[in-house]
Amino acid sequence: MTASLTFADFEKVDIRVGTVIGVESFPQARKPAFKLRIDFGDVIGVKKSSAQITAHYTPETLLGRQVAAVVNFPPRQIGSYMSEVLTLGFPDADGGVVLIGPSQMVPNGGKLF
């Protein structure tokens, strides 16, 4: 069972859309991962994220893709890398991450509501 929250609680989580503009392998991560650079538009700018999404994605399929991310968590140190946002996805039947994002192009920085 999940914990209940209020709408005010939901509004505190800042989920934005951004476009992946850079992808690097991250061999130092404990589990296979990529280092992402995501453009969230003029107000938020470009942020970094470590994402364990290698089961379904390659750097080529990620570049230019729009993704959803939580942008107001504190940065998190992942090995030698500082991850600034949490890129969002759902697990497939085998536990591989499937990214979420808009079904059509939208302006970078748009807030989920």
C-alpha atoms as a PDB file:
ATOM      1  CA  MET A   1       0.000   0.000   0.000  1.00  0.00           C
ATOM      2  CA  THR A   2       1.241   3.472  -0.818  1.00  0.00           C
ATOM      3  CA  ALA A   3       1.154   6.402   1.568  1.00  0.00           C
ATOM      4  CA  SER A   4      -1.472   9.073   1.030  1.00  0.00           C
ATOM      5  CA  LEU A   5      -0.466  12.604   0.209  1.00  0.00           C
ATOM      6  CA  THR A   6      -2.254  15.854  -0.338  1.00  0.00           C
ATOM      7  CA  PHE A   7      -2.376  17.852  -3.545  1.00  0.00           C
ATOM      8  CA  ALA A   8      -0.116  20.376  -1.814  1.00  0.00           C
ATOM      9  CA  ASP A   9       2.423  17.557  -1.318  1.00  0.00           C
ATOM     10  CA  PHE A  10       2.245  16.718  -5.033  1.00  0.00           C
ATOM     11  CA  GLU A  11       2.796  20.360  -5.965  1.00  0.00           C
ATOM     12  CA  LYS A  12       6.112  20.329  -4.072  1.00  0.00           C
ATOM     13  CA  VAL A  13       7.558  17.787  -6.532  1.00  0.00           C
ATOM     14  CA  ASP A  14       8.801  19.767  -9.536  1.00  0.00           C
ATOM     15  CA  ILE A  15       8.669  17.430 -12.560  1.00  0.00           C
ATOM     16  CA  ARG A  16       9.837  19.052 -15.788  1.00  0.00           C
ATOM     17  CA  VAL A  17      10.469  17.990 -19.365  1.00  0.00           C
ATOM     18  CA  GLY A  18      13.871  18.369 -20.961  1.00  0.00           C
ATOM     19  CA  THR A  19      15.779  17.258 -24.036  1.00  0.00           C
ATOM     20  CA  VAL A  20      18.811  14.996 -23.740  1.00  0.00           C
ATOM     21  CA  ILE A  21      21.722  16.894 -25.316  1.00  0.00           C
ATOM     22  CA  GLY A  22      24.622  14.765 -24.101  1.00  0.00           C
ATOM     23  CA  VAL A  23      25.225  11.109 -23.208  1.00  0.00           C
ATOM     24  CA  GLU A  24      28.353   9.434 -21.860  1.00  0.00           C
ATOM     25  CA  SER A  25      28.957   5.927 -20.592  1.00  0.00           C
ATOM     26  CA  PHE A  26      29.470   5.673 -16.828  1.00  0.00           C
ATOM     27  CA  PRO A  27      31.700   2.635 -16.239  1.00  0.00           C
ATOM     28  CA  GLN A  28      32.398   3.655 -12.597  1.00  0.00           C
ATOM     29  CA  ALA A  29      28.705   3.221 -11.636  1.00  0.00           C
ATOM     30  CA  ARG A  30      27.816   0.104  -9.603  1.00  0.00           C
ATOM     31  CA  LYS A  31      25.093  -0.804 -12.115  1.00  0.00           C
ATOM     32  CA  PRO A  32      25.277  -0.026 -15.857  1.00  0.00           C
ATOM     33  CA  ALA A  33      24.376   3.635 -16.359  1.00  0.00           C
ATOM     34  CA  PHE A  34      24.755   6.689 -18.552  1.00  0.00           C
ATOM     35  CA  LYS A  35      25.703  10.237 -17.631  1.00  0.00           C
ATOM     36  CA  LEU A  36      23.086  12.514 -19.202  1.00  0.00           C
ATOM     37  CA  ARG A  37      23.064  16.244 -19.890  1.00  0.00           C
ATOM     38  CA  ILE A  38      19.464  17.441 -20.168  1.00  0.00           C
ATOM     39  CA  ASP A  39      18.347  20.878 -21.400  1.00  0.00           C
ATOM     40  CA  PHE A  40      15.385  22.156 -19.352  1.00  0.00           C
ATOM     41  CA  GLY A  41      15.141  25.516 -21.118  1.00  0.00           C
ATOM     42  CA  ASP A  42      16.150  29.045 -20.171  1.00  0.00           C
ATOM     43  CA  VAL A  43      14.804  29.136 -16.605  1.00  0.00           C
ATOM     44  CA  ILE A  44      16.322  25.856 -15.311  1.00  0.00           C
ATOM     45  CA  GLY A  45      19.132  25.394 -17.813  1.00  0.00           C
ATOM     46  CA  VAL A  46      21.177  22.251 -18.494  1.00  0.00           C
ATOM     47  CA  LYS A  47      21.336  19.697 -15.676  1.00  0.00           C
ATOM     48  CA  LYS A  48      23.224  16.418 -15.205  1.00  0.00           C
ATOM     49  CA  SER A  49      21.698  13.052 -14.350  1.00  0.00           C
ATOM     50  CA  SER A  50      23.015   9.549 -13.787  1.00  0.00           C
ATOM     51  CA  ALA A  51      20.497   7.081 -15.219  1.00  0.00           C
ATOM     52  CA  GLN A  52      20.458   3.263 -15.151  1.00  0.00           C
ATOM     53  CA  ILE A  53      18.768   3.004 -18.546  1.00  0.00           C
ATOM     54  CA  THR A  54      21.222   0.897 -20.552  1.00  0.00           C
ATOM     55  CA  ALA A  55      18.823  -2.056 -20.994  1.00  0.00           C
ATOM     56  CA  HIS A  56      16.699  -0.248 -23.594  1.00  0.00           C
ATOM     57  CA  TYR A  57      18.712   2.767 -24.744  1.00  0.00           C
ATOM     58  CA  THR A  58      21.954   3.654 -26.470  1.00  0.00           C
ATOM     59  CA  PRO A  59      23.557   7.086 -26.607  1.00  0.00           C
ATOM     60  CA  GLU A  60      22.248   7.443 -30.165  1.00  0.00           C
ATOM     61  CA  THR A  61      18.631   6.712 -29.197  1.00  0.00           C
ATOM     62  CA  LEU A  62      18.816   9.082 -26.224  1.00  0.00           C
ATOM     63  CA  LEU A  63      20.171  12.175 -27.970  1.00  0.00           C
ATOM     64  CA  GLY A  64      17.306  14.533 -28.795  1.00  0.00           C
ATOM     65  CA  ARG A  65      14.783  12.528 -26.753  1.00  0.00           C
ATOM     66  CA  GLN A  66      12.534  14.408 -24.357  1.00  0.00           C
ATOM     67  CA  VAL A  67      12.397  12.978 -20.829  1.00  0.00           C
ATOM     68  CA  ALA A  68      10.686  13.808 -17.547  1.00  0.00           C
ATOM     69  CA  ALA A  69      12.755  14.493 -14.430  1.00  0.00           C
ATOM     70  CA  VAL A  70      12.368  15.735 -10.881  1.00  0.00           C
ATOM     71  CA  VAL A  71      14.387  18.951 -10.817  1.00  0.00           C
ATOM     72  CA  ASN A  72      14.035  20.022  -7.179  1.00  0.00           C
ATOM     73  CA  PHE A  73      15.699  17.157  -5.302  1.00  0.00           C
ATOM     74  CA  PRO A  74      19.085  18.039  -3.809  1.00  0.00           C
ATOM     75  CA  PRO A  75      22.039  16.937  -5.972  1.00  0.00           C
ATOM     76  CA  ARG A  76      23.238  13.401  -5.285  1.00  0.00           C
ATOM     77  CA  GLN A  77      26.812  12.156  -5.499  1.00  0.00           C
ATOM     78  CA  ILE A  78      27.024   8.973  -7.610  1.00  0.00           C
ATOM     79  CA  GLY A  79      30.661   7.895  -7.418  1.00  0.00           C
ATOM     80  CA  SER A  80      32.675  10.752  -8.885  1.00  0.00           C
ATOM     81  CA  TYR A  81      29.602  12.242 -10.612  1.00  0.00           C
ATOM     82  CA  MET A  82      27.133  14.773  -9.187  1.00  0.00           C
ATOM     83  CA  SER A  83      23.609  13.941 -10.401  1.00  0.00           C
ATOM     84  CA  GLU A  84      21.439  17.081 -10.289  1.00  0.00           C
ATOM     85  CA  VAL A  85      18.039  15.700 -11.386  1.00  0.00           C
ATOM     86  CA  LEU A  86      16.178  12.378 -11.164  1.00  0.00           C
ATOM     87  CA  THR A  87      15.268  11.116 -14.634  1.00  0.00           C
ATOM     88  CA  LEU A  88      11.960   9.212 -14.452  1.00  0.00           C
ATOM     89  CA  GLY A  89      10.926   5.856 -15.844  1.00  0.00           C
ATOM     90  CA  PHE A  90       9.033   2.657 -15.134  1.00  0.00           C
ATOM     91  CA  PRO A  91      10.457  -0.865 -14.789  1.00  0.00           C
ATOM     92  CA  ASP A  92       9.686  -3.391 -17.515  1.00  0.00           C
ATOM     93  CA  ALA A  93       8.947  -7.046 -16.671  1.00  0.00           C
ATOM     94  CA  ASP A  94      12.691  -7.720 -16.251  1.00  0.00           C
ATOM     95  CA  GLY A  95      13.450  -4.576 -14.219  1.00  0.00           C
ATOM     96  CA  GLY A  96      14.935  -2.558 -17.088  1.00  0.00           C
ATOM     97  CA  VAL A  97      13.967   1.122 -17.000  1.00  0.00           C
ATOM     98  CA  VAL A  98      11.620   2.521 -19.664  1.00  0.00           C
ATOM     99  CA  LEU A  99      11.784   6.317 -19.731  1.00  0.00           C
ATOM    100  CA  ILE A 100       8.711   8.500 -19.544  1.00  0.00           C
ATOM    101  CA  GLY A 101       8.266  11.617 -21.605  1.00  0.00           C
ATOM    102  CA  PRO A 102       5.712  13.444 -23.700  1.00  0.00           C
ATOM    103  CA  SER A 103       4.193  11.731 -26.737  1.00  0.00           C
ATOM    104  CA  GLN A 104       4.706  14.945 -28.743  1.00  0.00           C
ATOM    105  CA  MET A 105       7.454  17.574 -28.621  1.00  0.00           C
ATOM    106  CA  VAL A 106       6.796  20.253 -26.007  1.00  0.00           C
ATOM    107  CA  PRO A 107       8.870  23.240 -24.876  1.00  0.00           C
ATOM    108  CA  ASN A 108      11.781  22.333 -22.599  1.00  0.00           C
ATOM    109  CA  GLY A 109      11.116  23.209 -18.965  1.00  0.00           C
ATOM    110  CA  GLY A 110       7.373  22.508 -19.095  1.00  0.00           C
ATOM    111  CA  LYS A 111       6.020  21.481 -15.678  1.00  0.00           C
ATOM    112  CA  LEU A 112       3.999  18.310 -15.196  1.00  0.00           C
ATOM    113  CA  PHE A 113       0.528  18.968 -13.801  1.00  0.00           C
END
